[in-house]
C-alpha atoms as a PDB file:
ATOM      1  CA  MET A   1       0.000   0.000   0.000  1.00  0.00           C
ATOM      2  CA  ARG A   2       1.265   3.509  -0.854  1.00  0.00           C
ATOM      3  CA  VAL A   3       0.938   5.534   2.353  1.00  0.00           C
ATOM      4  CA  LEU A   4       1.467   9.284   2.487  1.00  0.00           C
ATOM      5  CA  VAL A   5       2.774  10.358   5.904  1.00  0.00           C
ATOM      6  CA  THR A   6       2.718  14.125   6.397  1.00  0.00           C
ATOM      7  CA  GLY A   7       5.103  15.529   8.962  1.00  0.00           C
ATOM      8  CA  ALA A   8       7.438  12.578   8.427  1.00  0.00           C
ATOM      9  CA  THR A   9      10.307  14.309  10.236  1.00  0.00           C
ATOM     10  CA  GLY A  10       8.199  15.031  13.311  1.00  0.00           C
ATOM     11  CA  PHE A  11       8.105  13.152  16.600  1.00  0.00           C
ATOM     12  CA  VAL A  12       5.164  10.912  15.664  1.00  0.00           C
ATOM     13  CA  GLY A  13       5.398  11.031  11.872  1.00  0.00           C
ATOM     14  CA  ASN A  14       8.972   9.748  11.857  1.00  0.00           C
ATOM     15  CA  LEU A  15       8.107   6.758  14.039  1.00  0.00           C
ATOM     16  CA  VAL A  16       5.044   6.023  11.895  1.00  0.00           C
ATOM     17  CA  ALA A  17       7.194   6.063   8.741  1.00  0.00           C
ATOM     18  CA  TRP A  18       9.630   3.590  10.302  1.00  0.00           C
ATOM     19  CA  ARG A  19       6.775   1.297  11.377  1.00  0.00           C
ATOM     20  CA  LEU A  20       4.993   1.330   8.008  1.00  0.00           C
ATOM     21  CA  VAL A  21       8.212   0.645   6.086  1.00  0.00           C
ATOM     22  CA  ALA A  22       8.832  -2.317   8.404  1.00  0.00           C
ATOM     23  CA  ASP A  23       5.292  -3.533   7.665  1.00  0.00           C
ATOM     24  CA  GLY A  24       6.101  -3.584   3.948  1.00  0.00           C
ATOM     25  CA  HIS A  25       4.283  -0.429   2.840  1.00  0.00           C
ATOM     26  CA  HIS A  26       5.617   2.057   0.311  1.00  0.00           C
ATOM     27  CA  VAL A  27       5.871   5.255   2.359  1.00  0.00           C
ATOM     28  CA  ILE A  28       5.897   8.781   0.946  1.00  0.00           C
ATOM     29  CA  GLY A  29       7.062  11.289   3.550  1.00  0.00           C
ATOM     30  CA  THR A  30       6.449  15.030   3.364  1.00  0.00           C
ATOM     31  CA  THR A  31       8.234  17.677   5.391  1.00  0.00           C
ATOM     32  CA  ARG A  32       8.990  21.370   5.262  1.00  0.00           C
ATOM     33  CA  GLY A  33      12.204  20.992   7.286  1.00  0.00           C
ATOM     34  CA  SER A  34      15.255  18.781   7.632  1.00  0.00           C
ATOM     35  CA  TRP A  35      15.353  15.273   9.075  1.00  0.00           C
ATOM     36  CA  LYS A  36      17.585  16.359  11.990  1.00  0.00           C
ATOM     37  CA  PRO A  37      17.637  15.125  14.721  1.00  0.00           C
ATOM     38  CA  ARG A  38      15.712  12.093  13.421  1.00  0.00           C
ATOM     39  CA  VAL A  39      16.849   9.427  10.988  1.00  0.00           C
ATOM     40  CA  PRO A  40      14.851   8.903   7.769  1.00  0.00           C
ATOM     41  CA  PRO A  41      13.832   5.280   7.307  1.00  0.00           C
ATOM     42  CA  LYS A  42      15.478   3.591   4.358  1.00  0.00           C
ATOM     43  CA  GLY A  43      13.009   3.356   1.504  1.00  0.00           C
ATOM     44  CA  VAL A  44      10.902   6.420   2.316  1.00  0.00           C
ATOM     45  CA  GLU A  45      10.136   8.464  -0.785  1.00  0.00           C
ATOM     46  CA  PRO A  46      10.587  12.162   0.074  1.00  0.00           C
ATOM     47  CA  ALA A  47       8.076  14.659  -1.294  1.00  0.00           C
ATOM     48  CA  PHE A  48       7.143  18.309  -0.928  1.00  0.00           C
ATOM     49  CA  PRO A  49       3.730  19.025   0.653  1.00  0.00           C
ATOM     50  CA  PHE A  50       2.680  21.195  -2.321  1.00  0.00           C
ATOM     51  CA  GLU A  51       3.388  18.319  -4.713  1.00  0.00           C
ATOM     52  CA  MET A  52       1.304  15.833  -2.719  1.00  0.00           C
ATOM     53  CA  ILE A  53      -1.573  18.262  -2.246  1.00  0.00           C
ATOM     54  CA  HIS A  54      -1.986  18.762  -5.980  1.00  0.00           C
ATOM     55  CA  HIS A  55      -0.545  15.673  -7.681  1.00  0.00           C
ATOM     56  CA  GLY A  56       0.018  12.974  -5.057  1.00  0.00           C
ATOM     57  CA  VAL A  57      -0.986   9.379  -5.735  1.00  0.00           C
ATOM     58  CA  PHE A  58      -1.491   7.279  -2.598  1.00  0.00           C
ATOM     59  CA  ASP A  59      -3.739   4.605  -1.089  1.00  0.00           C
ATOM     60  CA  ALA A  60      -3.760   5.972   2.449  1.00  0.00           C
ATOM     61  CA  LEU A  61      -2.945   9.209   4.252  1.00  0.00           C
ATOM     62  CA  VAL A  62      -1.626   9.618   7.803  1.00  0.00           C
ATOM     63  CA  HIS A  63      -1.822  13.307   8.700  1.00  0.00           C
ATOM     64  CA  ALA A  64       0.768  14.097  11.361  1.00  0.00           C
ATOM     65  CA  ALA A  65       1.797  17.544  10.083  1.00  0.00           C
ATOM     66  CA  GLY A  66       0.793  21.061  10.934  1.00  0.00           C
ATOM     67  CA  PRO A  67       1.536  23.505  13.766  1.00  0.00           C
ATOM     68  CA  SER A  68       2.112  21.474  16.921  1.00  0.00           C
ATOM     69  CA  ASN A  69       3.247  24.321  19.158  1.00  0.00           C
ATOM     70  CA  VAL A  70       0.460  25.804  21.280  1.00  0.00           C
ATOM     71  CA  ARG A  71       2.453  29.001  21.816  1.00  0.00           C
ATOM     72  CA  ILE A  72       3.059  29.591  18.092  1.00  0.00           C
ATOM     73  CA  CYS A  73      -0.640  29.085  17.315  1.00  0.00           C
ATOM     74  CA  HIS A  74      -1.455  31.577  20.063  1.00  0.00           C
ATOM     75  CA  GLU A  75       1.037  34.212  18.898  1.00  0.00           C
ATOM     76  CA  GLN A  76       0.713  33.651  15.133  1.00  0.00           C
ATOM     77  CA  PRO A  77      -2.855  32.453  14.471  1.00  0.00           C
ATOM     78  CA  VAL A  78      -2.351  32.968  10.743  1.00  0.00           C
ATOM     79  CA  VAL A  79      -0.508  29.617  10.678  1.00  0.00           C
ATOM     80  CA  VAL A  80      -3.783  27.951  11.640  1.00  0.00           C
ATOM     81  CA  GLY A  81      -5.492  29.257   8.526  1.00  0.00           C
ATOM     82  CA  ASP A  82      -2.669  27.955   6.353  1.00  0.00           C
ATOM     83  CA  ALA A  83      -2.815  24.540   8.045  1.00  0.00           C
ATOM     84  CA  LEU A  84      -6.573  24.222   7.558  1.00  0.00           C
ATOM     85  CA  LYS A  85      -6.328  25.245   3.913  1.00  0.00           C
ATOM     86  CA  ASP A  86      -3.663  22.578   3.297  1.00  0.00           C
ATOM     87  CA  TRP A  87      -5.786  20.032   5.166  1.00  0.00           C
ATOM     88  CA  ALA A  88      -8.830  20.720   2.976  1.00  0.00           C
ATOM     89  CA  ARG A  89      -6.714  20.252  -0.148  1.00  0.00           C
ATOM     90  CA  LEU A  90      -5.227  17.010   1.190  1.00  0.00           C
ATOM     91  CA  LEU A  91      -8.697  15.643   1.945  1.00  0.00           C
ATOM     92  CA  GLU A  92      -9.817  16.480  -1.580  1.00  0.00           C
ATOM     93  CA  ARG A  93      -6.743  14.731  -2.991  1.00  0.00           C
ATOM     94  CA  ALA A  94      -7.404  11.718  -0.766  1.00  0.00           C
ATOM     95  CA  TRP A  95     -10.983  11.577  -2.068  1.00  0.00           C
ATOM     96  CA  GLU A  96      -9.723  11.675  -5.651  1.00  0.00           C
ATOM     97  CA  ASN A  97      -7.415   8.740  -4.808  1.00  0.00           C
ATOM     98  CA  ARG A  98     -10.148   6.877  -2.871  1.00  0.00           C
ATOM     99  CA  ALA A  99      -7.615   6.718  -0.034  1.00  0.00           C
ATOM    100  CA  ARG A 100      -8.172   5.990   3.641  1.00  0.00           C
ATOM    101  CA  VAL A 101      -7.358   8.893   5.966  1.00  0.00           C
ATOM    102  CA  VAL A 102      -6.050   8.701   9.541  1.00  0.00           C
ATOM    103  CA  LEU A 103      -6.011  12.068  11.321  1.00  0.00           C
ATOM    104  CA  LEU A 104      -3.899  12.602  14.424  1.00  0.00           C
ATOM    105  CA  SER A 105      -5.924  14.926  16.594  1.00  0.00           C
ATOM    106  CA  SER A 106      -5.379  15.986  20.193  1.00  0.00           C
ATOM    107  CA  HIS A 107      -6.903  15.931  23.655  1.00  0.00           C
ATOM    108  CA  SER A 108      -6.786  19.735  23.373  1.00  0.00           C
ATOM    109  CA  VAL A 109     -10.126  19.655  21.533  1.00  0.00           C
ATOM    110  CA  TYR A 110     -11.827  18.892  24.868  1.00  0.00           C
ATOM    111  CA  GLY A 111     -10.630  21.932  26.838  1.00  0.00           C
ATOM    112  CA  ARG A 112     -12.041  21.884  30.372  1.00  0.00           C
ATOM    113  CA  GLN A 113     -14.390  19.003  31.179  1.00  0.00           C
ATOM    114  CA  GLU A 114     -16.166  18.311  34.459  1.00  0.00           C
ATOM    115  CA  VAL A 115     -16.616  14.574  33.872  1.00  0.00           C
ATOM    116  CA  GLN A 116     -13.445  12.486  34.014  1.00  0.00           C
ATOM    117  CA  PRO A 117     -12.258  10.390  32.275  1.00  0.00           C
ATOM    118  CA  ILE A 118     -13.353  12.165  29.100  1.00  0.00           C
ATOM    119  CA  SER A 119     -15.220  10.092  26.517  1.00  0.00           C
ATOM    120  CA  GLU A 120     -15.419  10.668  22.777  1.00  0.00           C
ATOM    121  CA  THR A 121     -19.011  11.897  23.166  1.00  0.00           C
ATOM    122  CA  ALA A 122     -17.993  14.903  25.302  1.00  0.00           C
ATOM    123  CA  ALA A 123     -18.643  18.325  23.799  1.00  0.00           C
ATOM    124  CA  LEU A 124     -15.623  19.948  22.190  1.00  0.00           C
ATOM    125  CA  ARG A 125     -14.605  23.050  24.177  1.00  0.00           C
ATOM    126  CA  PRO A 126     -11.063  23.963  23.118  1.00  0.00           C
ATOM    127  CA  ARG A 127      -9.437  26.706  25.198  1.00  0.00           C
ATOM    128  CA  SER A 128      -6.408  27.228  22.959  1.00  0.00           C
ATOM    129  CA  ILE A 129      -6.131  28.254  19.316  1.00  0.00           C
ATOM    130  CA  TYR A 130      -4.234  25.013  18.734  1.00  0.00           C
ATOM    131  CA  GLY A 131      -7.142  23.003  20.156  1.00  0.00           C
ATOM    132  CA  ALA A 132      -9.595  24.940  17.986  1.00  0.00           C
ATOM    133  CA  MET A 133      -7.490  24.118  14.919  1.00  0.00           C
ATOM    134  CA  LYS A 134      -7.550  20.405  15.764  1.00  0.00           C
ATOM    135  CA  ALA A 135     -11.323  20.495  16.295  1.00  0.00           C
ATOM    136  CA  ALA A 136     -11.736  22.166  12.899  1.00  0.00           C
ATOM    137  CA  GLN A 137      -9.565  19.498  11.251  1.00  0.00           C
ATOM    138  CA  GLU A 138     -11.775  16.815  12.785  1.00  0.00           C
ATOM    139  CA  GLN A 139     -14.991  18.477  11.641  1.00  0.00           C
ATOM    140  CA  LEU A 140     -13.709  18.893   8.108  1.00  0.00           C
ATOM    141  CA  ALA A 141     -12.556  15.278   7.914  1.00  0.00           C
ATOM    142  CA  MET A 142     -15.894  13.980   9.171  1.00  0.00           C
ATOM    143  CA  ALA A 143     -17.735  16.221   6.720  1.00  0.00           C
ATOM    144  CA  PHE A 144     -15.794  14.514   3.916  1.00  0.00           C
ATOM    145  CA  PHE A 145     -16.798  11.155   5.398  1.00  0.00           C
ATOM    146  CA  HIS A 146     -20.500  11.989   5.481  1.00  0.00           C
ATOM    147  CA  ALA A 147     -20.718  14.075   2.288  1.00  0.00           C
ATOM    148  CA  LYS A 148     -18.248  12.227   0.055  1.00  0.00           C
ATOM    149  CA  SER A 149     -17.892   8.789   1.714  1.00  0.00           C
ATOM    150  CA  LEU A 150     -14.174   9.364   2.305  1.00  0.00           C
ATOM    151  CA  PRO A 151     -12.968   6.643   4.721  1.00  0.00           C
ATOM    152  CA  VAL A 152     -11.736   8.637   7.720  1.00  0.00           C
ATOM    153  CA  VAL A 153     -10.481   7.648  11.187  1.00  0.00           C
ATOM    154  CA  VAL A 154      -9.802  10.286  13.864  1.00  0.00           C
ATOM    155  CA  LEU A 155      -7.413   9.536  16.732  1.00  0.00           C
ATOM    156  CA  ARG A 156      -7.526  11.985  19.658  1.00  0.00           C
ATOM    157  CA  CYS A 157      -4.133  11.520  21.276  1.00  0.00           C
ATOM    158  CA  ALA A 158      -3.070  12.056  24.866  1.00  0.00           C
ATOM    159  CA  THR A 159       0.222  13.791  25.723  1.00  0.00           C
ATOM    160  CA  LEU A 160       2.770  11.624  23.915  1.00  0.00           C
ATOM    161  CA  VAL A 161       6.132  10.881  25.496  1.00  0.00           C
ATOM    162  CA  GLY A 162       9.229   8.831  24.793  1.00  0.00           C
ATOM    163  CA  GLY A 163      12.498   9.758  23.086  1.00  0.00           C
ATOM    164  CA  ALA A 164      13.246  12.663  20.746  1.00  0.00           C
ATOM    165  CA  GLU A 165      10.279  14.887  21.563  1.00  0.00           C
ATOM    166  CA  ARG A 166       9.684  18.363  20.138  1.00  0.00           C
ATOM    167  CA  PRO A 167      11.506  21.208  21.920  1.00  0.00           C
ATOM    168  CA  ASP A 168       8.159  22.583  23.151  1.00  0.00           C
ATOM    169  CA  ALA A 169       6.813  19.212  24.353  1.00  0.00           C
ATOM    170  CA  LEU A 170       5.901  18.961  28.037  1.00  0.00           C
ATOM    171  CA  VAL A 171       8.386  16.330  29.218  1.00  0.00           C
ATOM    172  CA  ARG A 172      11.266  17.739  27.207  1.00  0.00           C
ATOM    173  CA  ARG A 173      10.639  21.233  28.588  1.00  0.00           C
ATOM    174  CA  ILE A 174      10.586  19.891  32.144  1.00  0.00           C
ATOM    175  CA  THR A 175      13.730  17.839  31.545  1.00  0.00           C
ATOM    176  CA  GLU A 176      15.678  20.724  30.061  1.00  0.00           C
ATOM    177  CA  SER A 177      14.531  22.937  32.938  1.00  0.00           C
ATOM    178  CA  ALA A 178      15.812  20.301  35.372  1.00  0.00           C
ATOM    179  CA  MET A 179      19.161  20.345  33.590  1.00  0.00           C
ATOM    180  CA  GLY A 180      19.267  24.077  34.327  1.00  0.00           C
ATOM    181  CA  GLY A 181      18.679  23.457  38.028  1.00  0.00           C
ATOM    182  CA  THR A 182      15.069  24.662  38.392  1.00  0.00           C
ATOM    183  CA  ILE A 183      11.724  23.346  37.158  1.00  0.00           C
ATOM    184  CA  THR A 184       9.157  26.154  37.102  1.00  0.00           C
ATOM    185  CA  LEU A 185       5.609  24.816  37.051  1.00  0.00           C
ATOM    186  CA  ASP A 186       2.625  26.494  35.426  1.00  0.00           C
ATOM    187  CA  GLY A 187       0.829  27.496  38.609  1.00  0.00           C
ATOM    188  CA  ASP A 188       0.883  25.001  41.463  1.00  0.00           C
ATOM    189  CA  GLY A 189       1.345  21.939  39.229  1.00  0.00           C
ATOM    190  CA  SER A 190      -1.921  20.328  40.294  1.00  0.00           C
ATOM    191  CA  GLN A 191      -3.014  20.040  36.666  1.00  0.00           C
ATOM    192  CA  THR A 192      -3.117  16.515  35.299  1.00  0.00           C
ATOM    193  CA  ARG A 193      -2.237  15.025  31.954  1.00  0.00           C
ATOM    194  CA  ASP A 194      -2.907  11.649  30.360  1.00  0.00           C
ATOM    195  CA  LEU A 195       0.619  10.536  29.399  1.00  0.00           C
ATOM    196  CA  LEU A 196       1.073   7.830  26.780  1.00  0.00           C
ATOM    197  CA  ASP A 197       4.130   6.112  25.350  1.00  0.00           C
ATOM    198  CA  VAL A 198       4.274   7.234  21.715  1.00  0.00           C
ATOM    199  CA  ASN A 199       4.750   3.618  20.582  1.00  0.00           C
ATOM    200  CA  TYR A 200       1.116   2.888  21.466  1.00  0.00           C
ATOM    201  CA  VAL A 201      -0.016   5.644  19.107  1.00  0.00           C
ATOM    202  CA  VAL A 202       2.161   4.273  16.308  1.00  0.00           C
ATOM    203  CA  GLU A 203       0.518   0.891  16.874  1.00  0.00           C
ATOM    204  CA  ALA A 204      -2.961   2.450  16.793  1.00  0.00           C
ATOM    205  CA  ILE A 205      -2.194   4.228  13.521  1.00  0.00           C
ATOM    206  CA  ALA A 206      -0.942   1.022  11.895  1.00  0.00           C
ATOM    207  CA  ARG A 207      -4.158  -0.731  12.914  1.00  0.00           C
ATOM    208  CA  ALA A 208      -6.405   2.173  11.886  1.00  0.00           C
ATOM    209  CA  LEU A 209      -5.065   1.844   8.342  1.00  0.00           C
ATOM    210  CA  VAL A 210      -6.383  -1.715   7.961  1.00  0.00           C
ATOM    211  CA  LEU A 211      -9.314  -2.285  10.346  1.00  0.00           C
ATOM    212  CA  GLN A 212     -12.580  -1.798   8.469  1.00  0.00           C
ATOM    213  CA  GLU A 213     -14.848  -1.291  11.472  1.00  0.00           C
ATOM    214  CA  VAL A 214     -13.028   1.867  12.618  1.00  0.00           C
ATOM    215  CA  VAL A 215     -13.888   3.927   9.515  1.00  0.00           C
ATOM    216  CA  GLY A 216     -16.013   6.976  10.273  1.00  0.00           C
ATOM    217  CA  GLU A 217     -15.210   6.835  13.980  1.00  0.00           C
ATOM    218  CA  THR A 218     -13.299   8.948  16.500  1.00  0.00           C
ATOM    219  CA  TYR A 219     -11.182   7.338  19.204  1.00  0.00           C
ATOM    220  CA  ASN A 220      -9.334   8.501  22.286  1.00  0.00           C
ATOM    221  CA  ILE A 221      -5.797   7.118  22.306  1.00  0.00           C
ATOM    222  CA  GLY A 222      -4.408   7.437  25.817  1.00  0.00           C
ATOM    223  CA  SER A 223      -3.633   5.557  29.006  1.00  0.00           C
ATOM    224  CA  GLY A 224      -6.784   6.466  30.915  1.00  0.00           C
ATOM    225  CA  VAL A 225      -4.633   7.642  33.851  1.00  0.00           C
ATOM    226  CA  ALA A 226      -4.467  11.261  35.068  1.00  0.00           C
ATOM    227  CA  VAL A 227      -0.902  12.130  36.112  1.00  0.00           C
ATOM    228  CA  PRO A 228      -0.382  15.347  38.145  1.00  0.00           C
ATOM    229  CA  ILE A 229       2.297  17.621  36.689  1.00  0.00           C
ATOM    230  CA  THR A 230       3.958  17.735  40.122  1.00  0.00           C
ATOM    231  CA  GLU A 231       4.343  13.941  40.037  1.00  0.00           C
ATOM    232  CA  LEU A 232       5.785  14.114  36.528  1.00  0.00           C
ATOM    233  CA  ALA A 233       8.260  16.843  37.533  1.00  0.00           C
ATOM    234  CA  PHE A 234       9.364  14.896  40.612  1.00  0.00           C
ATOM    235  CA  PHE A 235       9.901  11.763  38.515  1.00  0.00           C
ATOM    236  CA  VAL A 236      12.026  13.738  36.041  1.00  0.00           C
ATOM    237  CA  THR A 237      14.203  15.076  38.875  1.00  0.00           C
ATOM    238  CA  GLN A 238      14.657  11.526  40.182  1.00  0.00           C
ATOM    239  CA  GLU A 239      15.713  10.341  36.726  1.00  0.00           C
ATOM    240  CA  ALA A 240      18.167  13.229  36.404  1.00  0.00           C
ATOM    241  CA  VAL A 241      19.737  12.385  39.770  1.00  0.00           C
ATOM    242  CA  ILE A 242      20.022   8.709  38.876  1.00  0.00           C
ATOM    243  CA  LYS A 243      21.527   9.360  35.448  1.00  0.00           C
ATOM    244  CA  THR A 244      23.763  12.357  36.192  1.00  0.00           C
ATOM    245  CA  GLY A 245      23.738  13.230  39.865  1.00  0.00           C
ATOM    246  CA  TRP A 246      22.206  16.625  39.007  1.00  0.00           C
ATOM    247  CA  ARG A 247      19.559  17.975  41.337  1.00  0.00           C
ATOM    248  CA  ALA A 248      16.797  20.414  40.464  1.00  0.00           C
ATOM    249  CA  ALA A 249      14.396  22.484  42.532  1.00  0.00           C
ATOM    250  CA  ILE A 250      10.685  22.514  41.713  1.00  0.00           C
ATOM    251  CA  VAL A 251       9.051  25.941  42.074  1.00  0.00           C
ATOM    252  CA  GLN A 252       5.661  27.432  41.249  1.00  0.00           C
ATOM    253  CA  GLY A 253       5.226  29.969  38.459  1.00  0.00           C
ATOM    254  CA  PRO A 254       2.296  31.889  36.970  1.00  0.00           C
ATOM    255  CA  PRO A 255      -0.544  29.757  35.574  1.00  0.00           C
ATOM    256  CA  ARG A 256      -1.114  29.569  31.821  1.00  0.00           C
ATOM    257  CA  ALA A 257      -4.057  31.595  30.534  1.00  0.00           C
ATOM    258  CA  HIS A 258      -5.337  28.748  28.346  1.00  0.00           C
ATOM    259  CA  GLU A 259      -4.854  25.933  30.855  1.00  0.00           C
ATOM    260  CA  GLU A 260      -7.076  22.982  29.972  1.00  0.00           C
ATOM    261  CA  GLY A 261      -7.638  21.637  33.476  1.00  0.00           C
ATOM    262  CA  PRO A 262      -7.660  17.983  34.591  1.00  0.00           C
ATOM    263  CA  LEU A 263      -7.311  15.358  31.911  1.00  0.00           C
ATOM    264  CA  ALA A 264      -7.721  11.616  31.607  1.00  0.00           C
ATOM    265  CA  LEU A 265      -9.090  10.019  28.451  1.00  0.00           C
ATOM    266  CA  ALA A 266     -11.664   7.232  28.451  1.00  0.00           C
ATOM    267  CA  ILE A 267     -10.150   4.498  26.260  1.00  0.00           C
ATOM    268  CA  ASP A 268     -12.775   1.721  26.369  1.00  0.00           C
ATOM    269  CA  LYS A 269     -13.855   2.409  22.774  1.00  0.00           C
ATOM    270  CA  ALA A 270     -10.294   2.191  21.412  1.00  0.00           C
ATOM    271  CA  ILE A 271      -9.657  -1.048  23.296  1.00  0.00           C
ATOM    272  CA  ALA A 272     -12.908  -2.576  22.011  1.00  0.00           C
ATOM    273  CA  ALA A 273     -11.924  -1.648  18.448  1.00  0.00           C
ATOM    274  CA  LYS A 274      -8.505  -3.273  18.974  1.00  0.00           C
ATOM    275  CA  LEU A 275      -6.690   0.000  18.347  1.00  0.00           C
ATOM    276  CA  LEU A 276      -5.158  -0.363  21.805  1.00  0.00           C
ATOM    277  CA  PRO A 277      -4.170  -3.641  23.480  1.00  0.00           C
ATOM    278  CA  ASP A 278      -6.625  -4.985  26.021  1.00  0.00           C
ATOM    279  CA  PHE A 279      -4.988  -4.672  29.434  1.00  0.00           C
ATOM    280  CA  VAL A 280      -7.716  -6.830  30.961  1.00  0.00           C
ATOM    281  CA  GLY A 281      -7.154  -9.801  28.683  1.00  0.00           C
ATOM    282  CA  ARG A 282      -4.088 -10.865  26.754  1.00  0.00           C
ATOM    283  CA  PRO A 283      -2.313  -7.975  24.969  1.00  0.00           C
ATOM    284  CA  LEU A 284      -2.429  -8.217  21.188  1.00  0.00           C
ATOM    285  CA  ASP A 285       1.089  -7.045  20.321  1.00  0.00           C
ATOM    286  CA  LEU A 286       2.268  -4.818  23.139  1.00  0.00           C
ATOM    287  CA  ASP A 287       2.501  -5.262  26.883  1.00  0.00           C
ATOM    288  CA  TRP A 288      -0.166  -2.771  27.889  1.00  0.00           C
ATOM    289  CA  ASN A 289       0.572  -0.925  31.102  1.00  0.00           C
ATOM    290  CA  PRO A 290      -1.206   2.302  32.127  1.00  0.00           C
ATOM    291  CA  GLU A 291       1.944   3.203  34.110  1.00  0.00           C
ATOM    292  CA  ALA A 292       4.171   2.809  31.033  1.00  0.00           C
ATOM    293  CA  TRP A 293       4.508   6.597  30.918  1.00  0.00           C
ATOM    294  CA  ARG A 294       7.356   6.290  33.430  1.00  0.00           C
ATOM    295  CA  HIS A 295       9.433   4.186  31.033  1.00  0.00           C
ATOM    296  CA  ALA A 296       8.640   6.570  28.175  1.00  0.00           C
ATOM    297  CA  VAL A 297       9.547   9.637  30.246  1.00  0.00           C
ATOM    298  CA  SER A 298      12.807   7.924  31.208  1.00  0.00           C
ATOM    299  CA  ARG A 299      13.607   7.565  27.483  1.00  0.00           C
ATOM    300  CA  THR A 300      12.964  11.271  26.927  1.00  0.00           C
ATOM    301  CA  VAL A 301      15.192  12.231  29.860  1.00  0.00           C
ATOM    302  CA  ALA A 302      17.951   9.955  28.535  1.00  0.00           C
ATOM    303  CA  TRP A 303      17.632  11.442  25.033  1.00  0.00           C
ATOM    304  CA  CYS A 304      17.820  15.008  26.374  1.00  0.00           C
ATOM    305  CA  LEU A 305      20.918  14.200  28.405  1.00  0.00           C
ATOM    306  CA  GLU A 306      22.628  12.471  25.479  1.00  0.00           C
ATOM    307  CA  ASN A 307      21.832  15.339  23.102  1.00  0.00           C
ATOM    308  CA  HIS A 308      22.341  18.189  25.554  1.00  0.00           C
ATOM    309  CA  ASP A 309      25.247  19.767  23.679  1.00  0.00           C
ATOM    310  CA  ALA A 310      23.560  19.283  20.274  1.00  0.00           C
ATOM    311  CA  THR A 311      20.378  21.058  21.356  1.00  0.00           C
END
């Protein structure tokens, strides 16, 4: 199968490209930047986004591109308009190819929710411009599904951790702050996040490309566990001490204006659809563990320490 992976040099897109090549697919990877610090999988066909939007030929599309920095979307909202315009063109091209589409969305579409864990039926109440962009991408994709019968699957991802994360990603920011001696929390750090090893998302994407019953559906992809930011910061400091002997203080800072509040994703639907391994019964391919975020965070800390001089 010819699979177009947008954002193939990004944190998730790069891992997806590696996985799909290993599965025997012909992968076309688009990017607007360089492959550094990631390694391009052997066999990936590079392409420019403009070329794929207008002339691309593919059997499936994994959309992992677009602005992923909440701050940039907040300060330069014009990038959101550009991203949505490109997304509409990609959907039209996918329809012309009769291709399946897997959209990587975000927990940010939910904003603040009273009921926890948050199910896929919860109203979308994004509090950030980034979250609003993701909600718009979802709505547009589902409109193509209903109006044009385009086979679409939407994956609403938790906070993804493990390895070479983006510079603005939560765990990497905390780790690099720890390396500087002080971790400054947003407010008192009582906020929670659903943290998920990125490898589970890669697995879910690979399955979403082939499972027929998931078409036209939206799924939460998370751990189902709410982790307080204070607990995450303390774990990072422990890892830094173990690996380097460095010690960091944890202090409170001003709260973020667009803070989303507590977060844990309900994942029963994704487990039932076999997008995530069943941690009640026998895992399908992975050893499912809701506490696996600790191992993934440890990988991010190790990567930051190893690449400290390069970054």
